[in-house]
C-alpha atoms as a PDB file:
ATOM      1  CA  MET A   1       0.066   0.031   0.016  1.00  0.00           C
ATOM      2  CA  LYS A   2       2.899   2.333   0.859  1.00  0.00           C
ATOM      3  CA  LYS A   3       4.557   1.662  -2.493  1.00  0.00           C
ATOM      4  CA  GLU A   4       1.456   2.436  -4.348  1.00  0.00           C
ATOM      5  CA  VAL A   5       1.087   5.649  -2.503  1.00  0.00           C
ATOM      6  CA  LEU A   6       4.686   6.512  -3.211  1.00  0.00           C
ATOM      7  CA  CYS A   7       4.226   5.872  -6.932  1.00  0.00           C
ATOM      8  CA  LEU A   8       1.094   8.033  -7.022  1.00  0.00           C
ATOM      9  CA  VAL A   9       3.085  10.923  -5.359  1.00  0.00           C
ATOM     10  CA  CYS A  10       5.823  10.626  -7.837  1.00  0.00           C
ATOM     11  CA  LEU A  11       3.362  10.841 -10.813  1.00  0.00           C
ATOM     12  CA  LEU A  12       1.739  13.895  -9.239  1.00  0.00           C
ATOM     13  CA  LEU A  13       5.096  15.534  -8.978  1.00  0.00           C
ATOM     14  CA  ILE A  14       6.005  14.716 -12.606  1.00  0.00           C
ATOM     15  CA  SER A  15       2.614  16.112 -13.684  1.00  0.00           C
ATOM     16  CA  GLY A  16       3.222  19.329 -11.823  1.00  0.00           C
ATOM     17  CA  LEU A  17       6.661  19.660 -13.381  1.00  0.00           C
ATOM     18  CA  LEU A  18       5.177  19.150 -16.887  1.00  0.00           C
ATOM     19  CA  ALA A  19       2.480  21.806 -16.070  1.00  0.00           C
ATOM     20  CA  GLY A  20       5.058  24.275 -15.014  1.00  0.00           C
ATOM     21  CA  CYS A  21       6.881  23.904 -18.318  1.00  0.00           C
ATOM     22  CA  GLY A  22       3.679  24.806 -20.251  1.00  0.00           C
ATOM     23  CA  LYS A  23       2.990  21.440 -21.528  1.00  0.00           C
ATOM     24  CA  LYS A  24      -0.134  19.497 -21.332  1.00  0.00           C
ATOM     25  CA  PRO A  25       0.126  16.976 -18.594  1.00  0.00           C
ATOM     26  CA  ALA A  26       0.260  13.483 -19.958  1.00  0.00           C
ATOM     27  CA  ASP A  27      -2.410  10.974 -19.317  1.00  0.00           C
ATOM     28  CA  THR A  28      -0.858   8.174 -17.292  1.00  0.00           C
ATOM     29  CA  ALA A  29      -2.132   4.778 -16.223  1.00  0.00           C
ATOM     30  CA  VAL A  30      -0.668   2.320 -13.748  1.00  0.00           C
ATOM     31  CA  THR A  31      -0.723  -1.131 -15.350  1.00  0.00           C
ATOM     32  CA  SER A  32       1.642  -2.978 -12.988  1.00  0.00           C
ATOM     33  CA  SER A  33       0.874  -4.004  -9.528  1.00  0.00           C
ATOM     34  CA  ALA A  34       4.541  -3.761  -8.647  1.00  0.00           C
ATOM     35  CA  GLY A  35       4.429   0.080  -9.115  1.00  0.00           C
ATOM     36  CA  ALA A  36       6.350   0.316 -12.475  1.00  0.00           C
ATOM     37  CA  SER A  37       5.191   3.319 -14.406  1.00  0.00           C
ATOM     38  CA  VAL A  38       4.863   3.395 -18.117  1.00  0.00           C
ATOM     39  CA  LEU A  39       4.244   6.116 -20.683  1.00  0.00           C
ATOM     40  CA  THR A  40       0.668   6.487 -21.754  1.00  0.00           C
ATOM     41  CA  ASP A  41      -0.549   7.113 -25.283  1.00  0.00           C
ATOM     42  CA  SER A  42      -0.712  10.843 -24.661  1.00  0.00           C
ATOM     43  CA  ALA A  43       2.830  10.935 -23.656  1.00  0.00           C
ATOM     44  CA  ALA A  44       3.959   9.043 -26.746  1.00  0.00           C
ATOM     45  CA  GLU A  45       1.800  11.384 -28.922  1.00  0.00           C
ATOM     46  CA  SER A  46       3.610  14.412 -27.260  1.00  0.00           C
ATOM     47  CA  SER A  47       6.963  12.994 -28.082  1.00  0.00           C
ATOM     48  CA  SER A  48       5.819  12.351 -31.576  1.00  0.00           C
ATOM     49  CA  ALA A  49       4.517  15.806 -31.968  1.00  0.00           C
ATOM     50  CA  ASP A  50       7.737  17.226 -30.772  1.00  0.00           C
ATOM     51  CA  ALA A  51       9.640  15.163 -33.236  1.00  0.00           C
ATOM     52  CA  ASP A  52       7.314  16.320 -36.035  1.00  0.00           C
ATOM     53  CA  THR A  53       7.601  20.029 -35.087  1.00  0.00           C
ATOM     54  CA  SER A  54      11.446  19.884 -35.249  1.00  0.00           C
ATOM     55  CA  ILE A  55      11.243  18.359 -38.682  1.00  0.00           C
ATOM     56  CA  ASP A  56       8.719  20.970 -40.032  1.00  0.00           C
ATOM     57  CA  THR A  57      10.671  24.052 -38.656  1.00  0.00           C
ATOM     58  CA  SER A  58      13.628  22.941 -40.788  1.00  0.00           C
ATOM     59  CA  LEU A  59      13.451  24.483 -44.323  1.00  0.00           C
ATOM     60  CA  PRO A  60      15.018  23.300 -47.499  1.00  0.00           C
ATOM     61  CA  ALA A  61      18.298  24.923 -48.385  1.00  0.00           C
ATOM     62  CA  SER A  62      16.788  26.990 -51.260  1.00  0.00           C
ATOM     63  CA  GLN A  63      13.977  28.363 -49.138  1.00  0.00           C
ATOM     64  CA  ALA A  64      16.336  29.081 -46.276  1.00  0.00           C
ATOM     65  CA  ASP A  65      18.545  31.045 -48.554  1.00  0.00           C
ATOM     66  CA  SER A  66      15.695  33.127 -49.876  1.00  0.00           C
ATOM     67  CA  SER A  67      14.532  34.032 -46.295  1.00  0.00           C
ATOM     68  CA  VAL A  68      17.744  35.755 -45.605  1.00  0.00           C
ATOM     69  CA  SER A  69      17.740  39.549 -46.322  1.00  0.00           C
ATOM     70  CA  PRO A  70      20.162  40.903 -48.880  1.00  0.00           C
ATOM     71  CA  ALA A  71      21.741  43.042 -46.196  1.00  0.00           C
ATOM     72  CA  ALA A  72      22.316  40.098 -44.107  1.00  0.00           C
ATOM     73  CA  SER A  73      23.822  38.082 -46.981  1.00  0.00           C
ATOM     74  CA  SER A  74      26.323  40.714 -48.041  1.00  0.00           C
ATOM     75  CA  PRO A  75      29.124  41.854 -45.594  1.00  0.00           C
ATOM     76  CA  ALA A  76      28.734  45.434 -44.216  1.00  0.00           C
ATOM     77  CA  THR A  77      30.688  48.049 -46.037  1.00  0.00           C
ATOM     78  CA  SER A  78      32.599  50.275 -43.723  1.00  0.00           C
ATOM     79  CA  SER A  79      32.093  54.008 -43.827  1.00  0.00           C
ATOM     80  CA  SER A  80      35.791  54.545 -44.322  1.00  0.00           C
ATOM     81  CA  SER A  81      35.958  52.403 -47.432  1.00  0.00           C
ATOM     82  CA  ARG A  82      33.162  54.503 -49.006  1.00  0.00           C
ATOM     83  CA  ARG A  83      34.747  57.803 -48.303  1.00  0.00           C
ATOM     84  CA  GLU A  84      35.589  59.538 -51.576  1.00  0.00           C
ATOM     85  CA  GLU A  85      38.763  61.369 -52.313  1.00  0.00           C
ATOM     86  CA  PRO A  86      38.249  65.304 -52.592  1.00  0.00           C
ATOM     87  CA  SER A  87      37.844  66.206 -56.162  1.00  0.00           C
ATOM     88  CA  VAL A  88      40.604  68.513 -57.586  1.00  0.00           C
ATOM     89  CA  PRO A  89      39.265  71.125 -60.097  1.00  0.00           C
ATOM     90  CA  PRO A  90      40.986  71.041 -63.498  1.00  0.00           C
ATOM     91  CA  ALA A  91      43.748  73.441 -64.087  1.00  0.00           C
ATOM     92  CA  VAL A  92      42.490  76.385 -66.124  1.00  0.00           C
ATOM     93  CA  PRO A  93      44.941  77.295 -68.930  1.00  0.00           C
ATOM     94  CA  GLU A  94      46.389  80.766 -69.079  1.00  0.00           C
ATOM     95  CA  PRO A  95      44.907  83.041 -71.641  1.00  0.00           C
ATOM     96  CA  VAL A  96      46.929  83.291 -74.799  1.00  0.00           C
ATOM     97  CA  THR A  97      47.677  86.888 -75.890  1.00  0.00           C
ATOM     98  CA  ASP A  98      49.227  87.942 -79.099  1.00  0.00           C
ATOM     99  CA  GLN A  99      51.415  90.498 -77.321  1.00  0.00           C
ATOM    100  CA  PRO A 100      53.793  89.643 -74.555  1.00  0.00           C
ATOM    101  CA  PRO A 101      52.799  91.083 -71.185  1.00  0.00           C
ATOM    102  CA  ASP A 102      56.040  92.951 -70.722  1.00  0.00           C
ATOM    103  CA  GLN A 103      56.013  94.540 -74.157  1.00  0.00           C
ATOM    104  CA  PRO A 104      54.127  97.852 -74.325  1.00  0.00           C
ATOM    105  CA  VAL A 105      51.125  97.956 -76.617  1.00  0.00           C
ATOM    106  CA  SER A 106      51.755 100.256 -79.503  1.00  0.00           C
ATOM    107  CA  GLN A 107      49.156 102.940 -79.946  1.00  0.00           C
ATOM    108  CA  PRO A 108      47.618 103.226 -83.411  1.00  0.00           C
ATOM    109  CA  ASP A 109      48.320 106.215 -85.488  1.00  0.00           C
ATOM    110  CA  ASP A 110      45.940 109.185 -85.248  1.00  0.00           C
ATOM    111  CA  PRO A 111      43.089 108.036 -87.525  1.00  0.00           C
ATOM    112  CA  ASP A 112      41.933 111.562 -88.275  1.00  0.00           C
ATOM    113  CA  PRO A 113      44.880 114.059 -88.146  1.00  0.00           C
ATOM    114  CA  ALA A 114      44.310 117.767 -88.748  1.00  0.00           C
ATOM    115  CA  ARG A 115      43.986 118.614 -92.330  1.00  0.00           C
ATOM    116  CA  ILE A 116      44.305 121.686 -94.377  1.00  0.00           C
ATOM    117  CA  ALA A 117      43.019 122.495 -97.835  1.00  0.00           C
ATOM    118  CA  VAL A 118      45.476 124.096-100.373  1.00  0.00           C
ATOM    119  CA  THR A 119      44.751 125.075-103.978  1.00  0.00           C
ATOM    120  CA  LEU A 120      47.522 124.135-106.623  1.00  0.00           C
ATOM    121  CA  SER A 121      47.954 125.261-110.228  1.00  0.00           C
ATOM    122  CA  VAL A 122      50.710 124.588-112.862  1.00  0.00           C
ATOM    123  CA  ASP A 123      51.308 126.509-116.173  1.00  0.00           C
ATOM    124  CA  CYS A 124      53.844 127.188-118.772  1.00  0.00           C
ATOM    125  CA  ARG A 125      52.165 130.153-120.555  1.00  0.00           C
ATOM    126  CA  THR A 126      55.330 132.303-120.938  1.00  0.00           C
ATOM    127  CA  ALA A 127      57.060 129.429-122.841  1.00  0.00           C
ATOM    128  CA  VAL A 128      53.974 128.892-125.034  1.00  0.00           C
ATOM    129  CA  GLU A 129      53.571 132.575-125.795  1.00  0.00           C
ATOM    130  CA  ALA A 130      57.363 132.779-126.531  1.00  0.00           C
ATOM    131  CA  GLY A 131      56.823 130.088-129.106  1.00  0.00           C
ATOM    132  CA  TRP A 132      58.846 127.202-127.583  1.00  0.00           C
ATOM    133  CA  ALA A 133      57.584 124.106-129.306  1.00  0.00           C
ATOM    134  CA  ASP A 134      58.463 121.841-126.383  1.00  0.00           C
ATOM    135  CA  ALA A 135      56.073 123.826-124.133  1.00  0.00           C
ATOM    136  CA  VAL A 136      53.356 123.875-126.755  1.00  0.00           C
ATOM    137  CA  GLU A 137      53.523 120.178-127.158  1.00  0.00           C
ATOM    138  CA  ILE A 138      53.052 119.646-123.411  1.00  0.00           C
ATOM    139  CA  ALA A 139      50.203 122.095-123.092  1.00  0.00           C
ATOM    140  CA  ALA A 140      48.989 124.016-126.074  1.00  0.00           C
ATOM    141  CA  ASP A 141      47.105 126.655-124.061  1.00  0.00           C
ATOM    142  CA  GLY A 142      50.008 126.725-121.404  1.00  0.00           C
ATOM    143  CA  VAL A 143      47.801 125.223-118.690  1.00  0.00           C
ATOM    144  CA  ILE A 144      49.380 122.035-117.277  1.00  0.00           C
ATOM    145  CA  LEU A 145      47.021 121.883-114.109  1.00  0.00           C
ATOM    146  CA  SER A 146      44.166 124.245-113.385  1.00  0.00           C
ATOM    147  CA  ASP A 147      43.229 125.205-109.882  1.00  0.00           C
ATOM    148  CA  THR A 148      42.958 121.984-107.879  1.00  0.00           C
ATOM    149  CA  GLN A 149      42.268 121.588-104.213  1.00  0.00           C
ATOM    150  CA  VAL A 150      44.569 119.222-102.383  1.00  0.00           C
ATOM    151  CA  LEU A 151      44.151 118.043 -98.691  1.00  0.00           C
ATOM    152  CA  LEU A 152      47.331 117.866 -96.727  1.00  0.00           C
ATOM    153  CA  GLU A 153      48.208 117.124 -93.045  1.00  0.00           C
ATOM    154  CA  GLU A 154      48.791 120.215 -90.988  1.00  0.00           C
ATOM    155  CA  GLY A 155      52.493 121.360 -91.305  1.00  0.00           C
ATOM    156  CA  ALA A 156      52.963 120.209 -94.813  1.00  0.00           C
ATOM    157  CA  THR A 157      55.310 122.148 -97.095  1.00  0.00           C
ATOM    158  CA  VAL A 158      55.120 123.164-100.797  1.00  0.00           C
ATOM    159  CA  TYR A 159      57.307 120.184-101.463  1.00  0.00           C
ATOM    160  CA  ASP A 160      54.648 117.881 -99.814  1.00  0.00           C
ATOM    161  CA  LEU A 161      52.025 119.583-101.917  1.00  0.00           C
ATOM    162  CA  LEU A 162      53.902 118.817-105.201  1.00  0.00           C
ATOM    163  CA  LEU A 163      54.351 115.118-104.162  1.00  0.00           C
ATOM    164  CA  HIS A 164      50.570 114.774-103.609  1.00  0.00           C
ATOM    165  CA  SER A 165      49.681 116.567-106.930  1.00  0.00           C
ATOM    166  CA  GLY A 166      49.840 113.310-108.963  1.00  0.00           C
ATOM    167  CA  LEU A 167      52.051 115.094-111.578  1.00  0.00           C
ATOM    168  CA  ASP A 168      55.219 113.618-113.095  1.00  0.00           C
ATOM    169  CA  VAL A 169      57.979 115.668-111.268  1.00  0.00           C
ATOM    170  CA  GLU A 170      61.681 115.490-110.984  1.00  0.00           C
ATOM    171  CA  ILE A 171      63.371 116.986-107.869  1.00  0.00           C
ATOM    172  CA  SER A 172      66.866 117.877-106.892  1.00  0.00           C
ATOM    173  CA  SER A 173      68.677 118.969-103.788  1.00  0.00           C
ATOM    174  CA  GLY A 174      70.979 121.904-103.328  1.00  0.00           C
ATOM    175  CA  LEU A 175      72.729 123.894-100.597  1.00  0.00           C
ATOM    176  CA  LEU A 176      69.488 125.893-100.031  1.00  0.00           C
ATOM    177  CA  GLY A 177      67.119 122.847-100.085  1.00  0.00           C
ATOM    178  CA  ARG A 178      65.137 121.082-102.720  1.00  0.00           C
ATOM    179  CA  TYR A 179      64.102 122.553-105.974  1.00  0.00           C
ATOM    180  CA  VAL A 180      62.243 121.406-109.064  1.00  0.00           C
ATOM    181  CA  LYS A 181      64.053 120.316-112.204  1.00  0.00           C
ATOM    182  CA  GLU A 182      61.042 119.125-114.148  1.00  0.00           C
ATOM    183  CA  ILE A 183      57.252 119.172-114.115  1.00  0.00           C
ATOM    184  CA  GLN A 184      55.309 117.079-116.601  1.00  0.00           C
ATOM    185  CA  PHE A 185      58.396 116.496-118.784  1.00  0.00           C
ATOM    186  CA  LEU A 186      59.137 120.270-119.131  1.00  0.00           C
ATOM    187  CA  GLN A 187      62.674 120.743-117.717  1.00  0.00           C
ATOM    188  CA  GLU A 188      64.676 123.670-116.639  1.00  0.00           C
ATOM    189  CA  LYS A 189      66.765 125.278-119.349  1.00  0.00           C
ATOM    190  CA  GLN A 190      64.729 123.507-122.013  1.00  0.00           C
ATOM    191  CA  CYS A 191      63.390 126.879-123.253  1.00  0.00           C
ATOM    192  CA  GLY A 192      66.659 128.913-122.922  1.00  0.00           C
ATOM    193  CA  GLY A 193      69.413 129.085-120.386  1.00  0.00           C
ATOM    194  CA  ALA A 194      67.381 131.277-118.033  1.00  0.00           C
ATOM    195  CA  SER A 195      64.334 129.028-118.101  1.00  0.00           C
ATOM    196  CA  GLY A 196      63.068 126.956-115.189  1.00  0.00           C
ATOM    197  CA  TRP A 197      60.293 126.675-112.646  1.00  0.00           C
ATOM    198  CA  MET A 198      59.345 128.981-109.848  1.00  0.00           C
ATOM    199  CA  TYR A 199      56.463 128.988-107.236  1.00  0.00           C
ATOM    200  CA  SER A 200      54.344 131.490-105.616  1.00  0.00           C
ATOM    201  CA  VAL A 201      52.012 131.363-102.677  1.00  0.00           C
ATOM    202  CA  ASN A 202      48.992 133.641-102.733  1.00  0.00           C
ATOM    203  CA  GLY A 203      50.540 135.599-105.629  1.00  0.00           C
ATOM    204  CA  VAL A 204      53.900 136.176-103.867  1.00  0.00           C
ATOM    205  CA  PHE A 205      57.144 134.487-104.704  1.00  0.00           C
ATOM    206  CA  PRO A 206      58.702 133.651-101.347  1.00  0.00           C
ATOM    207  CA  GLY A 207      62.270 133.111-102.658  1.00  0.00           C
ATOM    208  CA  LYS A 208      62.971 130.024-100.517  1.00  0.00           C
ATOM    209  CA  ALA A 209      63.390 126.325-101.017  1.00  0.00           C
ATOM    210  CA  MET A 210      60.009 124.580-101.361  1.00  0.00           C
ATOM    211  CA  ASP A 211      60.685 122.185 -98.531  1.00  0.00           C
ATOM    212  CA  LYS A 212      61.301 125.104 -96.209  1.00  0.00           C
ATOM    213  CA  TYR A 213      57.975 126.774 -96.761  1.00  0.00           C
ATOM    214  CA  LYS A 214      55.081 125.527 -94.502  1.00  0.00           C
ATOM    215  CA  LEU A 215      51.595 125.917 -95.845  1.00  0.00           C
ATOM    216  CA  LYS A 216      48.421 127.008 -94.161  1.00  0.00           C
ATOM    217  CA  ASP A 217      44.839 126.225 -94.706  1.00  0.00           C
ATOM    218  CA  GLY A 218      43.512 128.135 -97.671  1.00  0.00           C
ATOM    219  CA  ASP A 219      46.730 128.886 -99.373  1.00  0.00           C
ATOM    220  CA  ALA A 220      46.946 129.012-103.092  1.00  0.00           C
ATOM    221  CA  VAL A 221      50.301 127.708-104.652  1.00  0.00           C
ATOM    222  CA  ALA A 222      51.149 128.322-108.326  1.00  0.00           C
ATOM    223  CA  TRP A 223      54.000 126.641-110.146  1.00  0.00           C
ATOM    224  CA  ARG A 224      55.045 128.673-113.347  1.00  0.00           C
ATOM    225  CA  TYR A 225      57.551 128.170-115.867  1.00  0.00           C
ATOM    226  CA  THR A 226      59.716 131.209-116.706  1.00  0.00           C
ATOM    227  CA  CYS A 227      62.061 131.924-119.571  1.00  0.00           C
ATOM    228  CA  GLN A 228      63.794 135.005-118.093  1.00  0.00           C
ATOM    229  CA  ASN A 229      64.629 134.111-114.503  1.00  0.00           C
ATOM    230  CA  GLY A 230      61.255 135.217-113.216  1.00  0.00           C
ATOM    231  CA  SER A 231      61.086 138.736-114.922  1.00  0.00           C
ATOM    232  CA  ASP A 232      58.529 137.562-117.453  1.00  0.00           C
ATOM    233  CA  LEU A 233      56.141 136.407-114.789  1.00  0.00           C
ATOM    234  CA  GLN A 234      53.594 138.843-113.627  1.00  0.00           C
END
Protein backbone atom coordinates (compact mmCIF):
# COMPACT_ATOMS: atom_id res chain seq x y z
CA MET A 1 0.00 0.00 0.00
CA LYS A 2 2.83 2.36 0.87
CA LYS A 3 4.53 1.62 -2.46
CA GLU A 4 1.37 2.44 -4.35
CA VAL A 5 1.02 5.72 -2.50
CA LEU A 6 4.68 6.51 -3.22
CA CYS A 7 4.22 5.86 -6.93
CA LEU A 8 1.13 8.03 -6.99
CA VAL A 9 3.03 10.91 -5.35
CA CYS A 10 5.81 10.56 -7.89
CA LEU A 11 3.34 10.76 -10.76
CA LEU A 12 1.75 13.85 -9.25
CA LEU A 13 5.15 15.52 -8.97
CA ILE A 14 5.96 14.71 -12.60
CA SER A 15 2.60 16.10 -13.70
CA GLY A 16 3.27 19.34 -11.79
CA LEU A 17 6.64 19.71 -13.41
CA LEU A 18 5.16 19.25 -16.89
CA ALA A 19 2.45 21.78 -16.12
CA GLY A 20 5.09 24.31 -15.01
CA CYS A 21 6.87 23.94 -18.35
CA GLY A 22 3.71 24.87 -20.24
CA LYS A 23 2.99 21.45 -21.57
CA LYS A 24 -0.18 19.56 -21.35
CA PRO A 25 0.10 16.96 -18.60
CA ALA A 26 0.34 13.55 -20.04
CA ASP A 27 -2.36 10.99 -19.30
CA THR A 28 -0.92 8.16 -17.25
CA ALA A 29 -2.08 4.76 -16.21
CA VAL A 30 -0.68 2.27 -13.74
CA THR A 31 -0.66 -1.14 -15.32
CA SER A 32 1.62 -3.00 -12.95
CA SER A 33 0.86 -4.02 -9.42
CA ALA A 34 4.57 -3.78 -8.65
CA GLY A 35 4.37 0.04 -9.13
CA ALA A 36 6.37 0.28 -12.44
CA SER A 37 5.22 3.36 -14.41
CA VAL A 38 4.85 3.33 -18.19
CA LEU A 39 4.24 6.13 -20.69
CA THR A 40 0.67 6.54 -21.70
CA ASP A 41 -0.53 7.06 -25.30
CA SER A 42 -0.77 10.80 -24.71
CA ALA A 43 2.88 10.97 -23.64
CA ALA A 44 3.89 9.04 -26.75
CA GLU A 45 1.83 11.38 -28.90
CA SER A 46 3.51 14.39 -27.25
CA SER A 47 6.95 13.00 -28.05
CA SER A 48 5.86 12.31 -31.61
CA ALA A 49 4.50 15.86 -31.96
CA ASP A 50 7.78 17.30 -30.71
CA ALA A 51 9.65 15.25 -33.27
CA ASP A 52 7.30 16.40 -36.08
CA THR A 53 7.70 20.04 -35.04
CA SER A 54 11.47 19.85 -35.23
CA ILE A 55 11.21 18.44 -38.73
CA ASP A 56 8.67 21.00 -39.99
CA THR A 57 10.67 23.99 -38.77
CA SER A 58 13.70 23.01 -40.79
CA LEU A 59 13.41 24.50 -44.31
CA PRO A 60 15.02 23.30 -47.52
CA ALA A 61 18.31 24.93 -48.44
CA SER A 62 16.78 26.95 -51.27
CA GLN A 63 14.01 28.37 -49.07
CA ALA A 64 16.39 29.08 -46.22
CA ASP A 65 18.61 31.11 -48.51
CA SER A 66 15.65 33.10 -49.85
CA SER A 67 14.50 34.02 -46.34
CA VAL A 68 17.75 35.79 -45.61
CA SER A 69 17.69 39.54 -46.33
CA PRO A 70 20.18 40.94 -48.85
CA ALA A 71 21.65 43.14 -46.19
CA ALA A 72 22.39 40.12 -44.03
CA SER A 73 23.79 38.05 -46.93
CA SER A 74 26.36 40.71 -47.97
CA PRO A 75 29.10 41.88 -45.68
CA ALA A 76 28.72 45.35 -44.25
CA THR A 77 30.71 48.01 -46.03
CA SER A 78 32.66 50.23 -43.70
CA SER A 79 32.11 53.96 -43.89
CA SER A 80 35.83 54.54 -44.30
CA SER A 81 35.93 52.45 -47.48
CA ARG A 82 33.06 54.48 -48.99
CA ARG A 83 34.75 57.82 -48.31
CA GLU A 84 35.55 59.52 -51.60
CA GLU A 85 38.74 61.42 -52.30
CA PRO A 86 38.23 65.21 -52.57
CA SER A 87 37.79 66.24 -56.19
CA VAL A 88 40.50 68.52 -57.59
CA PRO A 89 39.25 71.14 -60.10
CA PRO A 90 40.95 70.96 -63.50
CA ALA A 91 43.71 73.43 -64.16
CA VAL A 92 42.55 76.45 -66.13
CA PRO A 93 44.94 77.29 -68.98
CA GLU A 94 46.44 80.73 -69.06
CA PRO A 95 44.88 83.01 -71.69
CA VAL A 96 46.96 83.31 -74.82
CA THR A 97 47.69 86.83 -75.91
CA ASP A 98 49.22 87.96 -79.17
CA GLN A 99 51.42 90.48 -77.38
CA PRO A 100 53.84 89.56 -74.55
CA PRO A 101 52.76 91.09 -71.24
CA ASP A 102 56.05 92.94 -70.74
CA GLN A 103 55.96 94.54 -74.18
CA PRO A 104 54.11 97.87 -74.29
CA VAL A 105 51.14 97.97 -76.58
CA SER A 106 51.77 100.27 -79.52
CA GLN A 107 49.19 102.96 -79.97
CA PRO A 108 47.67 103.25 -83.46
CA ASP A 109 48.34 106.29 -85.54
CA ASP A 110 45.95 109.16 -85.29
CA PRO A 111 43.06 108.01 -87.54
CA ASP A 112 41.98 111.58 -88.25
CA PRO A 113 44.92 114.01 -88.17
CA ALA A 114 44.34 117.72 -88.68
CA ARG A 115 43.94 118.59 -92.35
CA ILE A 116 44.45 121.72 -94.41
CA ALA A 117 43.06 122.47 -97.87
CA VAL A 118 45.44 124.06 -100.36
CA THR A 119 44.85 125.07 -104.02
CA LEU A 120 47.48 124.11 -106.63
CA SER A 121 47.93 125.25 -110.25
CA VAL A 122 50.73 124.65 -112.83
CA ASP A 123 51.29 126.54 -116.12
CA CYS A 124 53.88 127.25 -118.80
CA ARG A 125 52.17 130.18 -120.55
CA THR A 126 55.30 132.27 -120.94
CA ALA A 127 57.06 129.52 -122.86
CA VAL A 128 54.03 128.89 -125.08
CA GLU A 129 53.64 132.62 -125.79
CA ALA A 130 57.35 132.79 -126.61
CA GLY A 131 56.81 130.05 -129.17
CA TRP A 132 58.76 127.24 -127.57
CA ALA A 133 57.62 124.08 -129.30
CA ASP A 134 58.41 121.82 -126.35
CA ALA A 135 56.09 123.87 -124.15
CA VAL A 136 53.36 123.92 -126.78
CA GLU A 137 53.62 120.15 -127.15
CA ILE A 138 53.09 119.68 -123.42
CA ALA A 139 50.22 122.17 -123.07
CA ALA A 140 48.97 124.08 -126.13
CA ASP A 141 47.17 126.68 -124.02
CA GLY A 142 49.96 126.75 -121.45
CA VAL A 143 47.80 125.24 -118.64
CA ILE A 144 49.27 122.02 -117.25
CA LEU A 145 47.04 121.92 -114.15
CA SER A 146 44.21 124.31 -113.41
CA ASP A 147 43.27 125.27 -109.86
CA THR A 148 42.93 122.00 -107.90
CA GLN A 149 42.28 121.61 -104.19
CA VAL A 150 44.57 119.20 -102.33
CA LEU A 151 44.14 118.02 -98.73
CA LEU A 152 47.33 117.84 -96.67
CA GLU A 153 48.24 117.19 -93.08
CA GLU A 154 48.81 120.23 -90.94
CA GLY A 155 52.43 121.40 -91.22
CA ALA A 156 52.88 120.23 -94.83
CA THR A 157 55.26 122.15 -97.12
CA VAL A 158 55.15 123.20 -100.77
CA TYR A 159 57.32 120.16 -101.46
CA ASP A 160 54.68 117.87 -99.86
CA LEU A 161 52.01 119.55 -101.97
CA LEU A 162 53.86 118.81 -105.20
CA LEU A 163 54.36 115.16 -104.19
CA HIS A 164 50.58 114.80 -103.63
CA SER A 165 49.66 116.53 -106.92
CA GLY A 166 49.81 113.37 -109.05
CA LEU A 167 52.03 115.11 -111.61
CA ASP A 168 55.23 113.68 -113.01
CA VAL A 169 58.01 115.67 -111.29
CA GLU A 170 61.77 115.50 -110.90
CA ILE A 171 63.34 117.05 -107.83
CA SER A 172 66.94 117.81 -106.92
CA SER A 173 68.63 118.97 -103.73
CA GLY A 174 71.04 121.89 -103.34
CA LEU A 175 72.71 123.92 -100.63
CA LEU A 176 69.52 125.89 -100.01
CA GLY A 177 67.20 122.86 -100.09
CA ARG A 178 65.12 120.99 -102.65
CA TYR A 179 64.11 122.50 -105.97
CA VAL A 180 62.22 121.39 -109.10
CA LYS A 181 64.06 120.33 -112.22
CA GLU A 182 61.07 119.07 -114.21
CA ILE A 183 57.27 119.11 -114.10
CA GLN A 184 55.25 117.05 -116.57
CA PHE A 185 58.35 116.50 -118.75
CA LEU A 186 59.16 120.22 -119.14
CA GLN A 187 62.66 120.65 -117.76
CA GLU A 188 64.65 123.65 -116.61
CA LYS A 189 66.77 125.33 -119.34
CA GLN A 190 64.69 123.51 -121.98
CA CYS A 191 63.37 126.86 -123.25
CA GLY A 192 66.59 128.87 -122.94
CA GLY A 193 69.43 129.12 -120.45
CA ALA A 194 67.40 131.32 -118.06
CA SER A 195 64.34 129.08 -118.09
CA GLY A 196 63.04 127.02 -115.18
CA TRP A 197 60.30 126.59 -112.56
CA MET A 198 59.31 129.01 -109.81
CA TYR A 199 56.45 128.93 -107.29
CA SER A 200 54.32 131.59 -105.62
CA VAL A 201 52.03 131.43 -102.59
CA ASN A 202 48.96 133.65 -102.71
CA GLY A 203 50.56 135.60 -105.60
CA VAL A 204 53.88 136.18 -103.82
CA PHE A 205 57.21 134.52 -104.72
CA PRO A 206 58.75 133.66 -101.34
CA GLY A 207 62.28 133.12 -102.71
CA LYS A 208 63.02 130.07 -100.50
CA ALA A 209 63.33 126.35 -101.06
CA MET A 210 60.02 124.58 -101.42
CA ASP A 211 60.71 122.16 -98.54
CA LYS A 212 61.26 125.13 -96.21
CA TYR A 213 57.91 126.80 -96.76
CA LYS A 214 55.05 125.53 -94.54
CA LEU A 215 51.56 125.97 -95.85
CA LYS A 216 48.40 127.11 -94.10
CA ASP A 217 44.81 126.19 -94.72
CA GLY A 218 43.43 128.11 -97.71
CA ASP A 219 46.78 128.90 -99.32
CA ALA A 220 46.98 129.05 -103.15
CA VAL A 221 50.22 127.73 -104.66
CA ALA A 222 51.08 128.34 -108.36
CA TRP A 223 54.03 126.68 -110.13
CA ARG A 224 55.00 128.72 -113.23
CA TYR A 225 57.60 128.21 -115.92
CA THR A 226 59.81 131.22 -116.64
CA CYS A 227 62.09 131.93 -119.60
CA GLN A 228 63.81 135.03 -118.05
CA ASN A 229 64.61 134.06 -114.44
CA GLY A 230 61.20 135.24 -113.31
CA SER A 231 61.19 138.68 -114.93
CA ASP A 232 58.59 137.55 -117.47
CA LEU A 233 56.19 136.37 -114.73
CA GLN A 234 53.59 138.87 -113.59
